[in-house]
């Protein structure tokens, strides 16, 4: 993969310090952007001229390009600034943890979530102007926050999960164990495992019962196999020490307790 692109007038922003640790980065003026990925903190949209924003939008509309937008948002109107033909807004919320990363904003939209918290808040989406356009990836995960240096490996992995698959690359090789991308179905299985209510032959009904969600059996089986292969759960569905650590680090024990309570109350929350 060729290097990621950032906008030259804003290249000194601290958000790019983390990015430079993971990737080769090219500084480009708006008119110099080539095909590929451009990464921006949302706040710079307010600092750009209207003509430069229009040129950035036109670049994004070209098939194969990806504009990745990260915090801070600071209550800016993302739909208006990027001329989105779909309602997308950023809303403050009580701080939650996602894989050890603090999240303080959610995305309010009807688009299908790319990343969603177990509590159903959307924290990443992909937007396309039309079926032949490039993609805008919007996330409220502060993956480029330099204060999260201790979580940089997690941030790097999550950043990669937001990139289009044919554009992924890093300076350092990522171990297989780091490559699992936790989706909600992985988290549902871990929560059930931690609550000791999981039954391998009843995975789909259990998710429907405790989370009121319809899920595809193949997706559930695939997620179970990934968790087992990477030692988050045992083959019988019981949780491992590694799985317990994941639950603890992400602050999910409250959800585990609710599942246990519902089980003890004969199926009622």
C-alpha atoms as a PDB file:
ATOM      1  CA  UNK A   1       0.000   0.000   0.000  1.00  0.00           C
ATOM      2  CA  UNK A   2       1.139   3.541  -0.638  1.00  0.00           C
ATOM      3  CA  UNK A   3       1.288   5.944   2.279  1.00  0.00           C
ATOM      4  CA  UNK A   4      -1.687   7.684   3.869  1.00  0.00           C
ATOM      5  CA  UNK A   5      -2.337  11.328   3.090  1.00  0.00           C
ATOM      6  CA  UNK A   6      -2.912  14.273   5.396  1.00  0.00           C
ATOM      7  CA  UNK A   7      -3.561  17.908   4.527  1.00  0.00           C
ATOM      8  CA  UNK A   8      -0.357  19.928   4.513  1.00  0.00           C
ATOM      9  CA  UNK A   9      -1.739  23.116   6.167  1.00  0.00           C
ATOM     10  CA  UNK A  10      -2.700  21.070   9.249  1.00  0.00           C
ATOM     11  CA  UNK A  11       0.187  18.589   9.290  1.00  0.00           C
ATOM     12  CA  UNK A  12       1.515  19.769  12.667  1.00  0.00           C
ATOM     13  CA  UNK A  13      -1.648  18.829  14.563  1.00  0.00           C
ATOM     14  CA  UNK A  14      -1.045  16.408  17.435  1.00  0.00           C
ATOM     15  CA  UNK A  15      -3.585  13.908  16.048  1.00  0.00           C
ATOM     16  CA  UNK A  16      -1.083  13.020  13.358  1.00  0.00           C
ATOM     17  CA  UNK A  17       1.691  12.092  15.811  1.00  0.00           C
ATOM     18  CA  UNK A  18       0.046   8.743  16.510  1.00  0.00           C
ATOM     19  CA  UNK A  19      -0.661   8.188  12.823  1.00  0.00           C
ATOM     20  CA  UNK A  20       2.998   8.710  11.903  1.00  0.00           C
ATOM     21  CA  UNK A  21       3.984   5.930  14.320  1.00  0.00           C
ATOM     22  CA  UNK A  22       1.858   3.433  12.372  1.00  0.00           C
ATOM     23  CA  UNK A  23       2.142   4.514   8.741  1.00  0.00           C
ATOM     24  CA  UNK A  24       4.185   6.422   6.252  1.00  0.00           C
ATOM     25  CA  UNK A  25       2.344   9.724   5.843  1.00  0.00           C
ATOM     26  CA  UNK A  26       2.384  12.135   2.911  1.00  0.00           C
ATOM     27  CA  UNK A  27       1.521  15.809   3.376  1.00  0.00           C
ATOM     28  CA  UNK A  28      -0.606  17.091   0.498  1.00  0.00           C
ATOM     29  CA  UNK A  29      -2.366  20.298  -0.433  1.00  0.00           C
ATOM     30  CA  UNK A  30      -6.012  19.818  -1.429  1.00  0.00           C
ATOM     31  CA  UNK A  31      -5.210  19.975  -5.123  1.00  0.00           C
ATOM     32  CA  UNK A  32      -2.421  17.401  -4.774  1.00  0.00           C
ATOM     33  CA  UNK A  33      -4.480  14.568  -3.254  1.00  0.00           C
ATOM     34  CA  UNK A  34      -4.131  11.354  -5.240  1.00  0.00           C
ATOM     35  CA  UNK A  35      -6.262   8.212  -5.099  1.00  0.00           C
ATOM     36  CA  UNK A  36      -6.267   6.461  -1.731  1.00  0.00           C
ATOM     37  CA  UNK A  37      -6.932   7.488   1.863  1.00  0.00           C
ATOM     38  CA  UNK A  38      -6.931  10.931   3.441  1.00  0.00           C
ATOM     39  CA  UNK A  39      -7.136  11.258   7.242  1.00  0.00           C
ATOM     40  CA  UNK A  40      -8.474  14.368   8.977  1.00  0.00           C
ATOM     41  CA  UNK A  41      -9.561  15.481  12.453  1.00  0.00           C
ATOM     42  CA  UNK A  42     -13.123  16.770  12.012  1.00  0.00           C
ATOM     43  CA  UNK A  43     -12.334  20.134  13.562  1.00  0.00           C
ATOM     44  CA  UNK A  44     -10.200  21.207  10.589  1.00  0.00           C
ATOM     45  CA  UNK A  45     -13.331  21.298   8.417  1.00  0.00           C
ATOM     46  CA  UNK A  46     -14.181  24.540  10.228  1.00  0.00           C
ATOM     47  CA  UNK A  47     -10.730  25.944   9.474  1.00  0.00           C
ATOM     48  CA  UNK A  48     -10.859  25.173   5.748  1.00  0.00           C
ATOM     49  CA  UNK A  49     -12.195  27.597   3.176  1.00  0.00           C
ATOM     50  CA  UNK A  50     -15.474  26.718   1.499  1.00  0.00           C
ATOM     51  CA  UNK A  51     -13.680  26.150  -1.794  1.00  0.00           C
ATOM     52  CA  UNK A  52     -11.178  23.756  -0.188  1.00  0.00           C
ATOM     53  CA  UNK A  53     -14.001  21.823   1.472  1.00  0.00           C
ATOM     54  CA  UNK A  54     -15.725  21.537  -1.905  1.00  0.00           C
ATOM     55  CA  UNK A  55     -12.526  20.213  -3.478  1.00  0.00           C
ATOM     56  CA  UNK A  56     -12.153  17.687  -0.652  1.00  0.00           C
ATOM     57  CA  UNK A  57     -15.745  16.544  -1.184  1.00  0.00           C
ATOM     58  CA  UNK A  58     -15.137  16.159  -4.918  1.00  0.00           C
ATOM     59  CA  UNK A  59     -12.034  14.076  -4.194  1.00  0.00           C
ATOM     60  CA  UNK A  60     -14.061  11.893  -1.819  1.00  0.00           C
ATOM     61  CA  UNK A  61     -16.712  11.305  -4.472  1.00  0.00           C
ATOM     62  CA  UNK A  62     -14.158   9.614  -6.718  1.00  0.00           C
ATOM     63  CA  UNK A  63     -14.495   5.836  -6.617  1.00  0.00           C
ATOM     64  CA  UNK A  64     -11.908   4.079  -4.452  1.00  0.00           C
ATOM     65  CA  UNK A  65     -11.049   7.080  -2.269  1.00  0.00           C
ATOM     66  CA  UNK A  66     -11.654   7.080   1.488  1.00  0.00           C
ATOM     67  CA  UNK A  67     -11.856  10.122   3.745  1.00  0.00           C
ATOM     68  CA  UNK A  68     -11.392   9.088   7.388  1.00  0.00           C
ATOM     69  CA  UNK A  69     -12.778  11.595   9.907  1.00  0.00           C
ATOM     70  CA  UNK A  70     -11.795  11.469  13.588  1.00  0.00           C
ATOM     71  CA  UNK A  71     -12.480  13.523  16.752  1.00  0.00           C
ATOM     72  CA  UNK A  72     -12.529  16.231  17.925  1.00  0.00           C
ATOM     73  CA  UNK A  73     -15.945  17.316  16.611  1.00  0.00           C
ATOM     74  CA  UNK A  74     -16.853  20.019  19.158  1.00  0.00           C
ATOM     75  CA  UNK A  75     -20.514  20.134  18.084  1.00  0.00           C
ATOM     76  CA  UNK A  76     -19.771  20.928  14.435  1.00  0.00           C
ATOM     77  CA  UNK A  77     -22.440  20.142  11.827  1.00  0.00           C
ATOM     78  CA  UNK A  78     -20.769  17.290   9.958  1.00  0.00           C
ATOM     79  CA  UNK A  79     -23.679  16.784   7.539  1.00  0.00           C
ATOM     80  CA  UNK A  80     -23.631  20.406   6.424  1.00  0.00           C
ATOM     81  CA  UNK A  81     -19.855  20.744   6.188  1.00  0.00           C
ATOM     82  CA  UNK A  82     -19.468  17.615   4.056  1.00  0.00           C
ATOM     83  CA  UNK A  83     -22.765  18.110   2.176  1.00  0.00           C
ATOM     84  CA  UNK A  84     -24.047  14.696   3.195  1.00  0.00           C
ATOM     85  CA  UNK A  85     -27.403  13.767   1.700  1.00  0.00           C
ATOM     86  CA  UNK A  86     -28.207  11.840   4.857  1.00  0.00           C
ATOM     87  CA  UNK A  87     -28.758  13.011   8.414  1.00  0.00           C
ATOM     88  CA  UNK A  88     -25.654  12.369  10.499  1.00  0.00           C
ATOM     89  CA  UNK A  89     -24.997  14.217  13.741  1.00  0.00           C
ATOM     90  CA  UNK A  90     -22.578  13.874  16.634  1.00  0.00           C
ATOM     91  CA  UNK A  91     -24.027  13.815  20.143  1.00  0.00           C
ATOM     92  CA  UNK A  92     -22.281  13.880  23.498  1.00  0.00           C
ATOM     93  CA  UNK A  93     -22.877  10.902  25.785  1.00  0.00           C
ATOM     94  CA  UNK A  94     -21.676   9.584  29.110  1.00  0.00           C
ATOM     95  CA  UNK A  95     -18.191   8.178  28.739  1.00  0.00           C
ATOM     96  CA  UNK A  96     -18.071   4.509  27.749  1.00  0.00           C
ATOM     97  CA  UNK A  97     -15.156   2.218  27.032  1.00  0.00           C
ATOM     98  CA  UNK A  98     -14.701   0.360  23.766  1.00  0.00           C
ATOM     99  CA  UNK A  99     -11.844  -2.144  23.888  1.00  0.00           C
ATOM    100  CA  UNK A 100     -10.084   0.052  26.438  1.00  0.00           C
ATOM    101  CA  UNK A 101     -10.619   3.282  24.463  1.00  0.00           C
ATOM    102  CA  UNK A 102     -12.782   5.992  26.110  1.00  0.00           C
ATOM    103  CA  UNK A 103     -15.677   7.232  23.953  1.00  0.00           C
ATOM    104  CA  UNK A 104     -17.590  10.423  24.785  1.00  0.00           C
ATOM    105  CA  UNK A 105     -19.628  10.974  21.618  1.00  0.00           C
ATOM    106  CA  UNK A 106     -22.016   8.887  19.544  1.00  0.00           C
ATOM    107  CA  UNK A 107     -23.137   9.138  15.932  1.00  0.00           C
ATOM    108  CA  UNK A 108     -26.870   9.677  15.478  1.00  0.00           C
ATOM    109  CA  UNK A 109     -27.902   8.245  12.115  1.00  0.00           C
ATOM    110  CA  UNK A 110     -29.988   5.595  10.419  1.00  0.00           C
ATOM    111  CA  UNK A 111     -26.960   4.252   8.565  1.00  0.00           C
ATOM    112  CA  UNK A 112     -25.805   0.741   9.395  1.00  0.00           C
ATOM    113  CA  UNK A 113     -23.151   0.965  12.138  1.00  0.00           C
ATOM    114  CA  UNK A 114     -19.596   0.008  11.274  1.00  0.00           C
ATOM    115  CA  UNK A 115     -18.821  -0.129  14.999  1.00  0.00           C
ATOM    116  CA  UNK A 116     -21.511  -0.164  17.687  1.00  0.00           C
ATOM    117  CA  UNK A 117     -21.198  -0.342  21.463  1.00  0.00           C
ATOM    118  CA  UNK A 118     -22.966  -3.170  23.321  1.00  0.00           C
ATOM    119  CA  UNK A 119     -25.287  -0.433  24.614  1.00  0.00           C
ATOM    120  CA  UNK A 120     -26.277   0.257  20.984  1.00  0.00           C
ATOM    121  CA  UNK A 121     -24.586   3.639  20.491  1.00  0.00           C
ATOM    122  CA  UNK A 122     -23.025   3.948  17.041  1.00  0.00           C
ATOM    123  CA  UNK A 123     -19.393   5.080  17.065  1.00  0.00           C
ATOM    124  CA  UNK A 124     -18.371   4.503  13.427  1.00  0.00           C
ATOM    125  CA  UNK A 125     -20.186   4.566  10.074  1.00  0.00           C
ATOM    126  CA  UNK A 126     -19.345   4.498   6.378  1.00  0.00           C
ATOM    127  CA  UNK A 127     -21.123   7.017   4.143  1.00  0.00           C
ATOM    128  CA  UNK A 128     -21.313   6.983   0.336  1.00  0.00           C
ATOM    129  CA  UNK A 129     -22.702   9.870  -1.727  1.00  0.00           C
ATOM    130  CA  UNK A 130     -23.899   7.311  -4.279  1.00  0.00           C
ATOM    131  CA  UNK A 131     -23.149   3.773  -5.442  1.00  0.00           C
ATOM    132  CA  UNK A 132     -20.144   4.855  -7.499  1.00  0.00           C
ATOM    133  CA  UNK A 133     -18.554   7.269  -5.015  1.00  0.00           C
ATOM    134  CA  UNK A 134     -15.712   6.911  -2.594  1.00  0.00           C
ATOM    135  CA  UNK A 135     -16.350   6.542   1.131  1.00  0.00           C
ATOM    136  CA  UNK A 136     -16.404   8.833   4.150  1.00  0.00           C
ATOM    137  CA  UNK A 137     -15.675   6.933   7.349  1.00  0.00           C
ATOM    138  CA  UNK A 138     -16.827   8.880  10.407  1.00  0.00           C
ATOM    139  CA  UNK A 139     -15.921   7.713  13.896  1.00  0.00           C
ATOM    140  CA  UNK A 140     -16.085   9.137  17.411  1.00  0.00           C
ATOM    141  CA  UNK A 141     -13.386   6.753  18.646  1.00  0.00           C
ATOM    142  CA  UNK A 142     -10.472   9.053  19.601  1.00  0.00           C
ATOM    143  CA  UNK A 143      -7.898   6.753  18.009  1.00  0.00           C
ATOM    144  CA  UNK A 144      -5.531   9.613  17.150  1.00  0.00           C
ATOM    145  CA  UNK A 145      -5.580  11.149  20.637  1.00  0.00           C
ATOM    146  CA  UNK A 146      -1.932  11.284  21.668  1.00  0.00           C
ATOM    147  CA  UNK A 147      -2.990  10.986  25.313  1.00  0.00           C
ATOM    148  CA  UNK A 148      -3.871   7.350  24.551  1.00  0.00           C
ATOM    149  CA  UNK A 149      -0.258   6.318  23.990  1.00  0.00           C
ATOM    150  CA  UNK A 150      -0.610   3.405  26.394  1.00  0.00           C
ATOM    151  CA  UNK A 151      -3.462   2.058  24.247  1.00  0.00           C
ATOM    152  CA  UNK A 152      -1.680   2.707  20.942  1.00  0.00           C
ATOM    153  CA  UNK A 153      -1.684  -0.968  19.882  1.00  0.00           C
ATOM    154  CA  UNK A 154      -5.448  -1.165  20.403  1.00  0.00           C
ATOM    155  CA  UNK A 155      -5.928   2.180  18.644  1.00  0.00           C
ATOM    156  CA  UNK A 156      -3.796   0.981  15.746  1.00  0.00           C
ATOM    157  CA  UNK A 157      -5.813  -2.201  15.352  1.00  0.00           C
ATOM    158  CA  UNK A 158      -9.119  -0.321  15.474  1.00  0.00           C
ATOM    159  CA  UNK A 159      -7.816   2.227  12.979  1.00  0.00           C
ATOM    160  CA  UNK A 160      -6.945  -0.600  10.598  1.00  0.00           C
ATOM    161  CA  UNK A 161     -10.423  -2.072  10.989  1.00  0.00           C
ATOM    162  CA  UNK A 162     -11.862   1.209   9.681  1.00  0.00           C
ATOM    163  CA  UNK A 163      -9.640   1.243   6.607  1.00  0.00           C
ATOM    164  CA  UNK A 164     -10.820  -0.388   3.425  1.00  0.00           C
ATOM    165  CA  UNK A 165      -9.291  -3.856   3.316  1.00  0.00           C
ATOM    166  CA  UNK A 166      -7.256  -3.258   0.173  1.00  0.00           C
ATOM    167  CA  UNK A 167      -5.587  -0.239   1.793  1.00  0.00           C
ATOM    168  CA  UNK A 168      -4.318  -1.804   5.016  1.00  0.00           C
ATOM    169  CA  UNK A 169      -0.641  -1.688   5.858  1.00  0.00           C
ATOM    170  CA  UNK A 170       1.595  -0.737   8.784  1.00  0.00           C
ATOM    171  CA  UNK A 171       5.242  -0.145   9.540  1.00  0.00           C
ATOM    172  CA  UNK A 172       5.242  -3.057  11.967  1.00  0.00           C
ATOM    173  CA  UNK A 173       3.824  -6.522  11.373  1.00  0.00           C
ATOM    174  CA  UNK A 174       0.682  -7.123  13.458  1.00  0.00           C
ATOM    175  CA  UNK A 175       0.541 -10.415  15.318  1.00  0.00           C
ATOM    176  CA  UNK A 176      -2.356 -12.749  14.521  1.00  0.00           C
ATOM    177  CA  UNK A 177      -3.716 -12.295  18.023  1.00  0.00           C
ATOM    178  CA  UNK A 178      -4.033  -8.556  17.495  1.00  0.00           C
ATOM    179  CA  UNK A 179      -5.941  -8.935  14.243  1.00  0.00           C
ATOM    180  CA  UNK A 180      -9.333  -9.980  15.631  1.00  0.00           C
ATOM    181  CA  UNK A 181     -11.757  -7.121  15.124  1.00  0.00           C
ATOM    182  CA  UNK A 182     -14.379  -7.225  17.848  1.00  0.00           C
ATOM    183  CA  UNK A 183     -17.868  -6.808  16.455  1.00  0.00           C
ATOM    184  CA  UNK A 184     -21.022  -6.712  18.581  1.00  0.00           C
ATOM    185  CA  UNK A 185     -21.586 -10.446  18.043  1.00  0.00           C
ATOM    186  CA  UNK A 186     -18.178 -11.204  19.610  1.00  0.00           C
ATOM    187  CA  UNK A 187     -19.103  -9.072  22.599  1.00  0.00           C
ATOM    188  CA  UNK A 188     -22.525 -10.680  23.009  1.00  0.00           C
ATOM    189  CA  UNK A 189     -20.893 -14.117  23.112  1.00  0.00           C
ATOM    190  CA  UNK A 190     -18.293 -12.969  25.637  1.00  0.00           C
ATOM    191  CA  UNK A 191     -20.964 -11.438  27.866  1.00  0.00           C
ATOM    192  CA  UNK A 192     -22.983 -14.665  27.786  1.00  0.00           C
ATOM    193  CA  UNK A 193     -19.848 -16.679  28.448  1.00  0.00           C
ATOM    194  CA  UNK A 194     -18.878 -14.495  31.410  1.00  0.00           C
ATOM    195  CA  UNK A 195     -22.402 -14.865  32.808  1.00  0.00           C
ATOM    196  CA  UNK A 196     -22.108 -18.658  32.406  1.00  0.00           C
ATOM    197  CA  UNK A 197     -25.313 -18.961  30.390  1.00  0.00           C
ATOM    198  CA  UNK A 198     -23.801 -19.922  27.039  1.00  0.00           C
ATOM    199  CA  UNK A 199     -24.697 -23.158  25.282  1.00  0.00           C
ATOM    200  CA  UNK A 200     -22.883 -23.895  22.036  1.00  0.00           C
ATOM    201  CA  UNK A 201     -25.942 -25.383  20.340  1.00  0.00           C
ATOM    202  CA  UNK A 202     -28.166 -22.478  21.427  1.00  0.00           C
ATOM    203  CA  UNK A 203     -26.051 -19.441  20.537  1.00  0.00           C
ATOM    204  CA  UNK A 204     -28.560 -17.681  18.282  1.00  0.00           C
ATOM    205  CA  UNK A 205     -31.560 -18.176  20.630  1.00  0.00           C
ATOM    206  CA  UNK A 206     -29.483 -16.955  23.579  1.00  0.00           C
ATOM    207  CA  UNK A 207     -28.511 -13.742  21.778  1.00  0.00           C
ATOM    208  CA  UNK A 208     -32.138 -13.205  20.792  1.00  0.00           C
ATOM    209  CA  UNK A 209     -33.297 -13.833  24.357  1.00  0.00           C
ATOM    210  CA  UNK A 210     -30.841 -11.599  26.192  1.00  0.00           C
ATOM    211  CA  UNK A 211     -30.190  -8.858  23.613  1.00  0.00           C
ATOM    212  CA  UNK A 212     -33.458  -8.842  21.606  1.00  0.00           C
ATOM    213  CA  UNK A 213     -31.523  -9.053  18.336  1.00  0.00           C
ATOM    214  CA  UNK A 214     -31.836 -11.090  15.173  1.00  0.00           C
ATOM    215  CA  UNK A 215     -28.448 -12.496  14.150  1.00  0.00           C
ATOM    216  CA  UNK A 216     -27.291 -14.813  11.394  1.00  0.00           C
ATOM    217  CA  UNK A 217     -26.240 -18.255  12.567  1.00  0.00           C
ATOM    218  CA  UNK A 218     -23.163 -18.273  10.328  1.00  0.00           C
ATOM    219  CA  UNK A 219     -21.982 -14.951  11.812  1.00  0.00           C
ATOM    220  CA  UNK A 220     -22.427 -16.293  15.339  1.00  0.00           C
ATOM    221  CA  UNK A 221     -20.608 -19.551  14.599  1.00  0.00           C
ATOM    222  CA  UNK A 222     -17.755 -17.661  12.955  1.00  0.00           C
ATOM    223  CA  UNK A 223     -17.416 -15.280  15.918  1.00  0.00           C
ATOM    224  CA  UNK A 224     -17.487 -18.197  18.379  1.00  0.00           C
ATOM    225  CA  UNK A 225     -14.715 -19.949  16.434  1.00  0.00           C
ATOM    226  CA  UNK A 226     -12.581 -16.785  16.414  1.00  0.00           C
ATOM    227  CA  UNK A 227     -12.995 -16.309  20.164  1.00  0.00           C
ATOM    228  CA  UNK A 228     -12.121 -19.962  20.762  1.00  0.00           C
ATOM    229  CA  UNK A 229      -9.087 -19.927  18.451  1.00  0.00           C
ATOM    230  CA  UNK A 230      -7.707 -16.816  20.140  1.00  0.00           C
ATOM    231  CA  UNK A 231      -8.379 -18.222  23.613  1.00  0.00           C
ATOM    232  CA  UNK A 232     -11.079 -15.824  24.812  1.00  0.00           C
ATOM    233  CA  UNK A 233     -13.415 -18.762  25.462  1.00  0.00           C
ATOM    234  CA  UNK A 234     -13.068 -22.521  25.811  1.00  0.00           C
ATOM    235  CA  UNK A 235     -14.594 -24.968  23.337  1.00  0.00           C
ATOM    236  CA  UNK A 236     -17.546 -25.513  25.685  1.00  0.00           C
ATOM    237  CA  UNK A 237     -18.233 -21.771  25.789  1.00  0.00           C
ATOM    238  CA  UNK A 238     -16.873 -21.059  29.267  1.00  0.00           C
ATOM    239  CA  UNK A 239     -14.796 -17.931  29.515  1.00  0.00           C
ATOM    240  CA  UNK A 240     -11.004 -17.989  29.805  1.00  0.00           C
ATOM    241  CA  UNK A 241      -8.786 -15.729  31.881  1.00  0.00           C
ATOM    242  CA  UNK A 242      -8.052 -13.743  28.729  1.00  0.00           C
ATOM    243  CA  UNK A 243     -11.775 -13.330  28.104  1.00  0.00           C
ATOM    244  CA  UNK A 244     -12.337 -12.185  31.686  1.00  0.00           C
ATOM    245  CA  UNK A 245      -9.568  -9.631  31.268  1.00  0.00           C
ATOM    246  CA  UNK A 246     -11.259  -8.265  28.136  1.00  0.00           C
ATOM    247  CA  UNK A 247     -14.565  -7.934  30.011  1.00  0.00           C
ATOM    248  CA  UNK A 248     -12.852  -6.148  32.900  1.00  0.00           C
ATOM    249  CA  UNK A 249     -10.756  -3.781  30.750  1.00  0.00           C
ATOM    250  CA  UNK A 250     -13.808  -2.661  28.803  1.00  0.00           C
ATOM    251  CA  UNK A 251     -16.054  -2.174  31.824  1.00  0.00           C
ATOM    252  CA  UNK A 252     -18.580  -4.825  30.772  1.00  0.00           C
ATOM    253  CA  UNK A 253     -19.127  -6.506  34.151  1.00  0.00           C
ATOM    254  CA  UNK A 254     -22.270  -4.426  34.692  1.00  0.00           C
ATOM    255  CA  UNK A 255     -23.783  -6.041  31.604  1.00  0.00           C
ATOM    256  CA  UNK A 256     -22.704  -9.475  32.815  1.00  0.00           C
ATOM    257  CA  UNK A 257     -24.447  -8.861  36.139  1.00  0.00           C
ATOM    258  CA  UNK A 258     -27.642  -7.851  34.310  1.00  0.00           C
ATOM    259  CA  UNK A 259     -27.593 -11.087  32.322  1.00  0.00           C
ATOM    260  CA  UNK A 260     -27.091 -13.110  35.510  1.00  0.00           C
ATOM    261  CA  UNK A 261     -29.927 -11.197  37.170  1.00  0.00           C
ATOM    262  CA  UNK A 262     -32.249 -11.873  34.263  1.00  0.00           C
ATOM    263  CA  UNK A 263     -31.358 -15.554  34.306  1.00  0.00           C
ATOM    264  CA  UNK A 264     -32.060 -15.718  38.029  1.00  0.00           C
ATOM    265  CA  UNK A 265     -35.364 -13.889  37.503  1.00  0.00           C
ATOM    266  CA  UNK A 266     -36.547 -16.571  35.069  1.00  0.00           C
ATOM    267  CA  UNK A 267     -35.826 -14.606  31.954  1.00  0.00           C
ATOM    268  CA  UNK A 268     -37.042 -11.118  32.882  1.00  0.00           C
ATOM    269  CA  UNK A 269     -34.810  -8.034  33.040  1.00  0.00           C
END
